[in-house]
Amino acid sequence: ALVGPSGSGKSTIAKLIAGFWDVTGGSVAL
């Protein structure tokens, strides 16, 4: 579960996991 205030980055993390965008730095692996 990702929790936190609006604008904290929860949805951005989820969308990076889904491959909607590429990360700027680091990596996401499946």
PDB file of all heavy atoms in Angstrom:
ATOM      1  N   ALA A   1       0.845  -1.196   0.000  1.00  0.00           N
ATOM      2  CA  ALA A   1       0.000   0.000   0.000  1.00  0.00           C
ATOM      3  C   ALA A   1       0.878   1.242   0.000  1.00  0.00           C
ATOM      4  O   ALA A   1       1.820   1.351   0.791  1.00  0.00           O
ATOM      5  CB  ALA A   1      -0.885   0.003   1.241  1.00  0.00           C
ATOM      6  N   LEU A   2       0.596   2.160  -0.919  1.00  0.00           N
ATOM      7  CA  LEU A   2       1.299   3.446  -0.948  1.00  0.00           C
ATOM      8  C   LEU A   2       0.366   4.487  -0.339  1.00  0.00           C
ATOM      9  O   LEU A   2      -0.748   4.694  -0.834  1.00  0.00           O
ATOM     10  CB  LEU A   2       1.646   3.834  -2.386  1.00  0.00           C
ATOM     11  CG  LEU A   2       2.530   2.852  -3.178  1.00  0.00           C
ATOM     12  CD1 LEU A   2       2.699   3.325  -4.617  1.00  0.00           C
ATOM     13  CD2 LEU A   2       3.889   2.668  -2.522  1.00  0.00           C
ATOM     14  N   VAL A   3       0.789   5.119   0.751  1.00  0.00           N
ATOM     15  CA  VAL A   3      -0.046   6.120   1.414  1.00  0.00           C
ATOM     16  C   VAL A   3       0.745   7.417   1.568  1.00  0.00           C
ATOM     17  O   VAL A   3       1.974   7.417   1.532  1.00  0.00           O
ATOM     18  CB  VAL A   3      -0.543   5.630   2.802  1.00  0.00           C
ATOM     19  CG1 VAL A   3      -1.377   4.370   2.668  1.00  0.00           C
ATOM     20  CG2 VAL A   3       0.620   5.393   3.757  1.00  0.00           C
ATOM     21  N   GLY A   4      -0.003   8.515   1.751  1.00  0.00           N
ATOM     22  CA  GLY A   4       0.655   9.808   1.905  1.00  0.00           C
ATOM     23  C   GLY A   4      -0.235  10.897   1.339  1.00  0.00           C
ATOM     24  O   GLY A   4      -1.227  10.608   0.669  1.00  0.00           O
ATOM     25  N   PRO A   5       0.107  12.150   1.609  1.00  0.00           N
ATOM     26  CA  PRO A   5      -0.743  13.251   1.150  1.00  0.00           C
ATOM     27  C   PRO A   5      -0.780  13.362  -0.374  1.00  0.00           C
ATOM     28  O   PRO A   5       0.082  12.804  -1.063  1.00  0.00           O
ATOM     29  CB  PRO A   5      -0.081  14.496   1.774  1.00  0.00           C
ATOM     30  CG  PRO A   5       1.308  14.082   2.128  1.00  0.00           C
ATOM     31  CD  PRO A   5       1.283  12.609   2.360  1.00  0.00           C
ATOM     32  N   SER A   6      -1.789  14.081  -0.873  1.00  0.00           N
ATOM     33  CA  SER A   6      -1.862  14.335  -2.315  1.00  0.00           C
ATOM     34  C   SER A   6      -0.598  15.040  -2.771  1.00  0.00           C
ATOM     35  O   SER A   6      -0.093  15.922  -2.079  1.00  0.00           O
ATOM     36  CB  SER A   6      -3.070  15.236  -2.631  1.00  0.00           C
ATOM     37  OG  SER A   6      -4.243  14.502  -2.431  1.00  0.00           O
ATOM     38  N   GLY A   7      -0.093  14.636  -3.928  1.00  0.00           N
ATOM     39  CA  GLY A   7       1.102  15.280  -4.471  1.00  0.00           C
ATOM     40  C   GLY A   7       2.403  14.757  -3.906  1.00  0.00           C
ATOM     41  O   GLY A   7       3.485  15.276  -4.212  1.00  0.00           O
ATOM     42  N   SER A   8       2.330  13.705  -3.067  1.00  0.00           N
ATOM     43  CA  SER A   8       3.571  13.207  -2.447  1.00  0.00           C
ATOM     44  C   SER A   8       4.390  12.336  -3.397  1.00  0.00           C
ATOM     45  O   SER A   8       5.568  12.100  -3.161  1.00  0.00           O
ATOM     46  CB  SER A   8       3.241  12.419  -1.171  1.00  0.00           C
ATOM     47  OG  SER A   8       2.378  11.338  -1.471  1.00  0.00           O
ATOM     48  N   GLY A   9       3.734  11.820  -4.469  1.00  0.00           N
ATOM     49  CA  GLY A   9       4.468  10.995  -5.433  1.00  0.00           C
ATOM     50  C   GLY A   9       3.969   9.557  -5.530  1.00  0.00           C
ATOM     51  O   GLY A   9       4.553   8.735  -6.235  1.00  0.00           O
ATOM     52  N   LYS A  10       2.856   9.237  -4.829  1.00  0.00           N
ATOM     53  CA  LYS A  10       2.338   7.856  -4.819  1.00  0.00           C
ATOM     54  C   LYS A  10       1.992   7.385  -6.232  1.00  0.00           C
ATOM     55  O   LYS A  10       2.420   6.325  -6.674  1.00  0.00           O
ATOM     56  CB  LYS A  10       1.075   7.751  -3.942  1.00  0.00           C
ATOM     57  CG  LYS A  10       1.228   8.236  -2.529  1.00  0.00           C
ATOM     58  CD  LYS A  10      -0.035   8.025  -1.721  1.00  0.00           C
ATOM     59  CE  LYS A  10      -1.262   8.731  -2.259  1.00  0.00           C
ATOM     60  NZ  LYS A  10      -1.215  10.192  -2.160  1.00  0.00           N
ATOM     61  N   SER A  11       1.181   8.176  -6.941  1.00  0.00           N
ATOM     62  CA  SER A  11       0.746   7.780  -8.288  1.00  0.00           C
ATOM     63  C   SER A  11       1.919   7.731  -9.253  1.00  0.00           C
ATOM     64  O   SER A  11       1.954   6.891 -10.151  1.00  0.00           O
ATOM     65  CB  SER A  11      -0.309   8.749  -8.828  1.00  0.00           C
ATOM     66  OG  SER A  11      -1.516   8.557  -8.137  1.00  0.00           O
ATOM     67  N   THR A  12       2.867   8.631  -9.071  1.00  0.00           N
ATOM     68  CA  THR A  12       4.050   8.629  -9.953  1.00  0.00           C
ATOM     69  C   THR A  12       4.823   7.324  -9.792  1.00  0.00           C
ATOM     70  O   THR A  12       5.222   6.695 -10.783  1.00  0.00           O
ATOM     71  CB  THR A  12       4.962   9.834  -9.635  1.00  0.00           C
ATOM     72  OG1 THR A  12       4.178  11.030  -9.706  1.00  0.00           O
ATOM     73  CG2 THR A  12       6.104   9.928 -10.623  1.00  0.00           C
ATOM     74  N   ILE A  13       4.992   6.865  -8.548  1.00  0.00           N
ATOM     75  CA  ILE A  13       5.673   5.588  -8.307  1.00  0.00           C
ATOM     76  C   ILE A  13       4.913   4.457  -9.006  1.00  0.00           C
ATOM     77  O   ILE A  13       5.490   3.623  -9.712  1.00  0.00           O
ATOM     78  CB  ILE A  13       5.796   5.300  -6.787  1.00  0.00           C
ATOM     79  CG1 ILE A  13       6.770   6.296  -6.145  1.00  0.00           C
ATOM     80  CG2 ILE A  13       6.245   3.863  -6.529  1.00  0.00           C
ATOM     81  CD1 ILE A  13       6.817   6.233  -4.614  1.00  0.00           C
ATOM     82  N   ALA A  14       3.573   4.445  -8.837  1.00  0.00           N
ATOM     83  CA  ALA A  14       2.748   3.381  -9.435  1.00  0.00           C
ATOM     84  C   ALA A  14       2.859   3.391 -10.961  1.00  0.00           C
ATOM     85  O   ALA A  14       2.964   2.343 -11.601  1.00  0.00           O
ATOM     86  CB  ALA A  14       1.295   3.545  -9.000  1.00  0.00           C
ATOM     87  N   LYS A  15       2.854   4.581 -11.542  1.00  0.00           N
ATOM     88  CA  LYS A  15       2.902   4.672 -13.012  1.00  0.00           C
ATOM     89  C   LYS A  15       4.280   4.288 -13.557  1.00  0.00           C
ATOM     90  O   LYS A  15       4.380   3.754 -14.661  1.00  0.00           O
ATOM     91  CB  LYS A  15       2.482   6.075 -13.453  1.00  0.00           C
ATOM     92  CG  LYS A  15       0.973   6.254 -13.312  1.00  0.00           C
ATOM     93  CD  LYS A  15       0.479   7.659 -13.558  1.00  0.00           C
ATOM     94  CE  LYS A  15      -1.045   7.685 -13.476  1.00  0.00           C
ATOM     95  NZ  LYS A  15      -1.606   9.010 -13.300  1.00  0.00           N
ATOM     96  N   LEU A  16       5.320   4.537 -12.775  1.00  0.00           N
ATOM     97  CA  LEU A  16       6.656   4.091 -13.199  1.00  0.00           C
ATOM     98  C   LEU A  16       6.739   2.564 -13.150  1.00  0.00           C
ATOM     99  O   LEU A  16       7.335   1.936 -14.028  1.00  0.00           O
ATOM    100  CB  LEU A  16       7.742   4.708 -12.306  1.00  0.00           C
ATOM    101  CG  LEU A  16       7.990   6.212 -12.494  1.00  0.00           C
ATOM    102  CD1 LEU A  16       8.969   6.716 -11.442  1.00  0.00           C
ATOM    103  CD2 LEU A  16       8.518   6.526 -13.889  1.00  0.00           C
ATOM    104  N   ILE A  17       6.114   1.953 -12.129  1.00  0.00           N
ATOM    105  CA  ILE A  17       6.089   0.488 -12.043  1.00  0.00           C
ATOM    106  C   ILE A  17       5.338  -0.085 -13.251  1.00  0.00           C
ATOM    107  O   ILE A  17       5.705  -1.119 -13.807  1.00  0.00           O
ATOM    108  CB  ILE A  17       5.428   0.025 -10.720  1.00  0.00           C
ATOM    109  CG1 ILE A  17       6.306   0.413  -9.521  1.00  0.00           C
ATOM    110  CG2 ILE A  17       5.172  -1.486 -10.730  1.00  0.00           C
ATOM    111  CD1 ILE A  17       5.641   0.231  -8.159  1.00  0.00           C
ATOM    112  N   ALA A  18       4.269   0.607 -13.666  1.00  0.00           N
ATOM    113  CA  ALA A  18       3.462   0.133 -14.801  1.00  0.00           C
ATOM    114  C   ALA A  18       4.133   0.408 -16.143  1.00  0.00           C
ATOM    115  O   ALA A  18       3.644  -0.020 -17.187  1.00  0.00           O
ATOM    116  CB  ALA A  18       2.088   0.794 -14.762  1.00  0.00           C
ATOM    117  N   GLY A  19       5.243   1.156 -16.117  1.00  0.00           N
ATOM    118  CA  GLY A  19       5.964   1.429 -17.363  1.00  0.00           C
ATOM    119  C   GLY A  19       5.372   2.556 -18.190  1.00  0.00           C
ATOM    120  O   GLY A  19       5.629   2.667 -19.380  1.00  0.00           O
ATOM    121  N   PHE A  20       4.559   3.427 -17.545  1.00  0.00           N
ATOM    122  CA  PHE A  20       3.965   4.552 -18.292  1.00  0.00           C
ATOM    123  C   PHE A  20       5.030   5.552 -18.729  1.00  0.00           C
ATOM    124  O   PHE A  20       4.901   6.196 -19.753  1.00  0.00           O
ATOM    125  CB  PHE A  20       2.913   5.271 -17.437  1.00  0.00           C
ATOM    126  CG  PHE A  20       1.636   4.498 -17.240  1.00  0.00           C
ATOM    127  CD1 PHE A  20       1.490   3.210 -17.734  1.00  0.00           C
ATOM    128  CD2 PHE A  20       0.561   5.068 -16.560  1.00  0.00           C
ATOM    129  CE1 PHE A  20       0.312   2.498 -17.555  1.00  0.00           C
ATOM    130  CE2 PHE A  20      -0.626   4.359 -16.376  1.00  0.00           C
ATOM    131  CZ  PHE A  20      -0.744   3.069 -16.871  1.00  0.00           C
ATOM    132  N   TRP A  21       6.056   5.713 -17.881  1.00  0.00           N
ATOM    133  CA  TRP A  21       7.175   6.598 -18.222  1.00  0.00           C
ATOM    134  C   TRP A  21       8.470   5.893 -17.874  1.00  0.00           C
ATOM    135  O   TRP A  21       8.471   4.910 -17.133  1.00  0.00           O
ATOM    136  CB  TRP A  21       7.115   7.913 -17.425  1.00  0.00           C
ATOM    137  CG  TRP A  21       5.869   8.696 -17.627  1.00  0.00           C
ATOM    138  CD1 TRP A  21       5.432   9.258 -18.785  1.00  0.00           C
ATOM    139  CD2 TRP A  21       4.889   9.009 -16.632  1.00  0.00           C
ATOM    140  NE1 TRP A  21       4.233   9.898 -18.578  1.00  0.00           N
ATOM    141  CE2 TRP A  21       3.871   9.764 -17.264  1.00  0.00           C
ATOM    142  CE3 TRP A  21       4.761   8.743 -15.277  1.00  0.00           C
ATOM    143  CZ2 TRP A  21       2.758  10.251 -16.597  1.00  0.00           C
ATOM    144  CZ3 TRP A  21       3.649   9.214 -14.612  1.00  0.00           C
ATOM    145  CH2 TRP A  21       2.661   9.962 -15.269  1.00  0.00           C
ATOM    146  N   ASP A  22       9.578   6.394 -18.382  1.00  0.00           N
ATOM    147  CA  ASP A  22      10.899   5.904 -17.981  1.00  0.00           C
ATOM    148  C   ASP A  22      11.415   6.742 -16.817  1.00  0.00           C
ATOM    149  O   ASP A  22      11.156   7.951 -16.754  1.00  0.00           O
ATOM    150  CB  ASP A  22      11.890   6.016 -19.152  1.00  0.00           C
ATOM    151  CG  ASP A  22      11.650   4.942 -20.203  1.00  0.00           C
ATOM    152  OD1 ASP A  22      11.005   3.926 -19.877  1.00  0.00           O
ATOM    153  OD2 ASP A  22      12.087   5.130 -21.352  1.00  0.00           O
ATOM    154  N   VAL A  23      12.165   6.096 -15.931  1.00  0.00           N
ATOM    155  CA  VAL A  23      12.745   6.831 -14.801  1.00  0.00           C
ATOM    156  C   VAL A  23      13.779   7.829 -15.310  1.00  0.00           C
ATOM    157  O   VAL A  23      14.350   7.663 -16.391  1.00  0.00           O
ATOM    158  CB  VAL A  23      13.407   5.851 -13.798  1.00  0.00           C
ATOM    159  CG1 VAL A  23      12.370   4.929 -13.183  1.00  0.00           C
ATOM    160  CG2 VAL A  23      14.529   5.059 -14.454  1.00  0.00           C
ATOM    161  N   THR A  24      14.015   8.884 -14.529  1.00  0.00           N
ATOM    162  CA  THR A  24      15.064   9.854 -14.860  1.00  0.00           C
ATOM    163  C   THR A  24      16.412   9.334 -14.377  1.00  0.00           C
ATOM    164  O   THR A  24      17.436   9.494 -15.030  1.00  0.00           O
ATOM    165  CB  THR A  24      14.742  11.214 -14.191  1.00  0.00           C
ATOM    166  OG1 THR A  24      13.401  11.582 -14.517  1.00  0.00           O
ATOM    167  CG2 THR A  24      15.681  12.302 -14.670  1.00  0.00           C
ATOM    168  N   GLY A  25      16.400   8.691 -13.201  1.00  0.00           N
ATOM    169  CA  GLY A  25      17.619   8.096 -12.657  1.00  0.00           C
ATOM    170  C   GLY A  25      17.272   6.808 -11.945  1.00  0.00           C
ATOM    171  O   GLY A  25      16.132   6.610 -11.525  1.00  0.00           O
ATOM    172  N   GLY A  26      18.250   5.891 -11.802  1.00  0.00           N
ATOM    173  CA  GLY A  26      17.980   4.610 -11.167  1.00  0.00           C
ATOM    174  C   GLY A  26      17.267   3.668 -12.124  1.00  0.00           C
ATOM    175  O   GLY A  26      17.309   3.852 -13.345  1.00  0.00           O
ATOM    176  N   SER A  27      16.567   2.667 -11.576  1.00  0.00           N
ATOM    177  CA  SER A  27      15.888   1.705 -12.450  1.00  0.00           C
ATOM    178  C   SER A  27      14.711   1.051 -11.746  1.00  0.00           C
ATOM    179  O   SER A  27      14.659   0.997 -10.515  1.00  0.00           O
ATOM    180  CB  SER A  27      16.868   0.621 -12.896  1.00  0.00           C
ATOM    181  OG  SER A  27      17.312  -0.111 -11.766  1.00  0.00           O
ATOM    182  N   VAL A  28      13.751   0.574 -12.560  1.00  0.00           N
ATOM    183  CA  VAL A  28      12.655  -0.257 -12.074  1.00  0.00           C
ATOM    184  C   VAL A  28      12.788  -1.595 -12.795  1.00  0.00           C
ATOM    185  O   VAL A  28      12.918  -1.628 -14.025  1.00  0.00           O
ATOM    186  CB  VAL A  28      11.277   0.363 -12.399  1.00  0.00           C
ATOM    187  CG1 VAL A  28      10.146  -0.550 -11.904  1.00  0.00           C
ATOM    188  CG2 VAL A  28      11.132   1.743 -11.780  1.00  0.00           C
ATOM    189  N   ALA A  29      12.793  -2.691 -12.040  1.00  0.00           N
ATOM    190  CA  ALA A  29      12.936  -4.015 -12.651  1.00  0.00           C
ATOM    191  C   ALA A  29      11.748  -4.889 -12.290  1.00  0.00           C
ATOM    192  O   ALA A  29      11.192  -4.790 -11.191  1.00  0.00           O
ATOM    193  CB  ALA A  29      14.231  -4.672 -12.181  1.00  0.00           C
ATOM    194  N   LEU A  30      11.352  -5.741 -13.224  1.00  0.00           N
ATOM    195  CA  LEU A  30      10.296  -6.726 -13.000  1.00  0.00           C
ATOM    196  C   LEU A  30      10.923  -8.107 -13.200  1.00  0.00           C
ATOM    197  O   LEU A  30      11.477  -8.385 -14.266  1.00  0.00           O
ATOM    198  CB  LEU A  30       9.156  -6.502 -13.999  1.00  0.00           C
ATOM    199  CG  LEU A  30       8.023  -7.535 -14.016  1.00  0.00           C
ATOM    200  CD1 LEU A  30       7.328  -7.601 -12.671  1.00  0.00           C
ATOM    201  CD2 LEU A  30       7.006  -7.183 -15.097  1.00  0.00           C
TER     202      LEU A  30
END
